């Protein structure tokens, strides 16, 4: 295991680490961009709910 230099390279390639695809689904990079956009939107909305709103004068 530790003395075999081919094992980590083969393991990384088999797990799909080097490619941008979701394992065994065929989803490409667009899936990850959509997932990141959803996560950022959810984070922004959560912060907006937590931060108190300033009272307007007038």
N, C-alpha and C. Protein backbone atom coordinates (compact mmCIF):
# COMPACT_ATOMS: atom_id res chain seq x y z
N UNK A 1 0.81 -1.19 0.00
CA UNK A 1 0.00 0.00 0.00
C UNK A 1 0.86 1.26 0.00
N UNK A 2 1.78 1.38 0.96
CA UNK A 2 2.59 2.58 1.06
C UNK A 2 3.76 2.59 0.09
N UNK A 3 4.21 1.42 -0.35
CA UNK A 3 5.34 1.33 -1.26
C UNK A 3 4.92 1.30 -2.72
N UNK A 4 3.64 1.34 -3.02
CA UNK A 4 3.16 1.27 -4.39
C UNK A 4 2.87 2.69 -4.89
N UNK A 5 3.72 3.24 -5.78
CA UNK A 5 3.51 4.62 -6.23
C UNK A 5 2.32 4.78 -7.18
N UNK A 6 1.80 3.69 -7.71
CA UNK A 6 0.70 3.77 -8.66
C UNK A 6 -0.65 3.86 -7.95
N UNK A 7 -0.75 3.34 -6.74
CA UNK A 7 -2.03 3.27 -6.04
C UNK A 7 -2.68 4.63 -5.80
N UNK A 8 -1.97 5.66 -5.32
CA UNK A 8 -2.66 6.95 -5.11
C UNK A 8 -3.13 7.59 -6.41
N UNK A 9 -2.36 7.46 -7.47
CA UNK A 9 -2.76 8.06 -8.75
C UNK A 9 -3.99 7.36 -9.29
N UNK A 10 -4.00 6.04 -9.22
CA UNK A 10 -5.15 5.28 -9.70
C UNK A 10 -6.37 5.55 -8.83
N UNK A 11 -6.18 5.65 -7.53
CA UNK A 11 -7.29 5.92 -6.64
C UNK A 11 -7.90 7.28 -6.88
N UNK A 12 -7.07 8.30 -7.12
CA UNK A 12 -7.58 9.65 -7.37
C UNK A 12 -8.32 9.72 -8.69
N UNK A 13 -7.79 9.05 -9.70
CA UNK A 13 -8.46 9.06 -11.00
C UNK A 13 -9.77 8.28 -10.95
N UNK A 14 -9.79 7.20 -10.20
CA UNK A 14 -11.01 6.41 -10.11
C UNK A 14 -12.10 7.14 -9.33
N UNK A 15 -11.68 7.95 -8.37
CA UNK A 15 -12.66 8.67 -7.55
C UNK A 15 -13.17 9.92 -8.24
N UNK A 16 -12.56 10.30 -9.35
CA UNK A 16 -13.01 11.48 -10.07
C UNK A 16 -12.50 12.78 -9.48
N UNK A 17 -11.39 12.70 -8.75
CA UNK A 17 -10.84 13.90 -8.11
C UNK A 17 -10.32 14.88 -9.16
N UNK A 18 -9.67 14.36 -10.18
CA UNK A 18 -9.08 15.25 -11.17
C UNK A 18 -10.10 15.81 -12.15
N UNK A 19 -11.23 15.14 -12.30
CA UNK A 19 -12.24 15.63 -13.24
C UNK A 19 -13.29 16.41 -12.47
N UNK A 20 -14.04 17.26 -13.19
CA UNK A 20 -15.05 18.08 -12.55
C UNK A 20 -16.42 17.44 -12.57
N UNK A 21 -16.48 16.14 -12.66
CA UNK A 21 -17.78 15.48 -12.77
C UNK A 21 -18.17 14.85 -11.45
N UNK A 22 -19.45 14.77 -11.23
CA UNK A 22 -19.97 14.07 -10.06
C UNK A 22 -19.85 12.57 -10.32
N UNK A 23 -19.37 11.83 -9.34
CA UNK A 23 -19.08 10.42 -9.55
C UNK A 23 -20.33 9.64 -9.96
N UNK A 24 -20.22 8.89 -11.03
CA UNK A 24 -21.23 7.97 -11.54
C UNK A 24 -22.52 8.65 -11.99
N UNK A 25 -22.54 9.96 -12.15
CA UNK A 25 -23.78 10.60 -12.57
C UNK A 25 -23.66 11.29 -13.92
N UNK A 26 -22.46 11.65 -14.33
CA UNK A 26 -22.28 12.33 -15.59
C UNK A 26 -22.56 13.82 -15.51
N UNK A 27 -22.85 14.36 -14.32
CA UNK A 27 -23.10 15.80 -14.18
C UNK A 27 -21.78 16.54 -14.32
N UNK A 28 -21.76 17.58 -15.09
CA UNK A 28 -20.53 18.32 -15.34
C UNK A 28 -20.35 19.50 -14.41
N UNK A 29 -19.50 20.43 -14.85
CA UNK A 29 -19.17 21.59 -14.04
C UNK A 29 -20.37 22.51 -13.83
N UNK A 30 -21.32 22.52 -14.74
CA UNK A 30 -22.50 23.37 -14.59
C UNK A 30 -23.26 23.02 -13.31
N UNK A 31 -23.29 21.75 -12.97
CA UNK A 31 -23.94 21.33 -11.72
C UNK A 31 -23.28 21.97 -10.51
N UNK A 32 -21.95 22.00 -10.50
CA UNK A 32 -21.24 22.56 -9.34
C UNK A 32 -21.41 24.06 -9.27
N UNK A 33 -21.45 24.75 -10.42
CA UNK A 33 -21.69 26.19 -10.42
C UNK A 33 -23.11 26.50 -9.92
N UNK A 34 -24.08 25.72 -10.33
CA UNK A 34 -25.45 25.92 -9.86
C UNK A 34 -25.55 25.64 -8.36
N UNK A 35 -24.86 24.62 -7.90
CA UNK A 35 -24.87 24.30 -6.47
C UNK A 35 -24.20 25.41 -5.66
N UNK A 36 -23.10 25.95 -6.16
CA UNK A 36 -22.42 27.05 -5.48
C UNK A 36 -23.28 28.31 -5.47
N UNK A 37 -23.97 28.59 -6.57
CA UNK A 37 -24.84 29.76 -6.63
C UNK A 37 -26.00 29.62 -5.63
N UNK A 38 -26.58 28.44 -5.54
CA UNK A 38 -27.64 28.22 -4.57
C UNK A 38 -27.14 28.38 -3.14
N UNK A 39 -25.96 27.88 -2.86
CA UNK A 39 -25.40 27.99 -1.52
C UNK A 39 -25.12 29.46 -1.17
N UNK A 40 -24.59 30.22 -2.11
CA UNK A 40 -24.31 31.63 -1.86
C UNK A 40 -25.61 32.42 -1.66
N UNK A 41 -26.63 32.11 -2.43
CA UNK A 41 -27.93 32.78 -2.27
C UNK A 41 -28.53 32.46 -0.91
N UNK A 42 -28.46 31.20 -0.50
CA UNK A 42 -28.99 30.80 0.80
C UNK A 42 -28.22 31.48 1.93
N UNK A 43 -26.91 31.58 1.78
CA UNK A 43 -26.10 32.25 2.79
C UNK A 43 -26.45 33.73 2.89
N UNK A 44 -26.61 34.38 1.75
CA UNK A 44 -26.97 35.79 1.74
C UNK A 44 -28.32 36.04 2.37
N UNK A 45 -29.30 35.20 2.07
CA UNK A 45 -30.62 35.36 2.66
C UNK A 45 -30.60 35.09 4.16
N UNK A 46 -29.80 34.14 4.60
CA UNK A 46 -29.69 33.86 6.03
C UNK A 46 -29.05 35.02 6.77
N UNK A 47 -28.01 35.61 6.19
CA UNK A 47 -27.37 36.77 6.82
C UNK A 47 -28.33 37.94 6.85
N UNK A 48 -29.10 38.12 5.78
CA UNK A 48 -30.07 39.22 5.74
C UNK A 48 -31.12 39.08 6.84
N UNK A 49 -31.51 37.86 7.16
CA UNK A 49 -32.49 37.64 8.23
C UNK A 49 -31.88 37.86 9.60
N UNK A 50 -30.59 37.57 9.76
CA UNK A 50 -29.95 37.67 11.07
C UNK A 50 -29.59 39.12 11.42
N UNK A 51 -29.08 39.87 10.46
CA UNK A 51 -28.64 41.24 10.71
C UNK A 51 -29.85 42.13 10.94
N UNK A 52 -29.84 42.89 12.04
CA UNK A 52 -31.00 43.75 12.31
C UNK A 52 -31.14 44.88 11.28
N UNK A 53 -32.37 45.29 11.02
CA UNK A 53 -32.65 46.33 10.06
C UNK A 53 -32.59 47.67 10.78
N UNK A 54 -31.92 48.65 10.16
CA UNK A 54 -31.84 49.98 10.76
C UNK A 54 -33.16 50.72 10.55
N UNK A 55 -33.59 51.40 11.58
CA UNK A 55 -34.85 52.18 11.48
C UNK A 55 -34.59 53.42 10.64
N UNK A 56 -35.50 53.69 9.72
CA UNK A 56 -35.37 54.86 8.85
C UNK A 56 -35.91 56.10 9.57
N UNK A 57 -35.20 57.21 9.37
CA UNK A 57 -35.62 58.47 9.97
C UNK A 57 -36.59 59.16 9.04
N UNK A 58 -37.70 59.57 9.58
CA UNK A 58 -38.66 60.33 8.77
C UNK A 58 -39.79 59.48 8.42
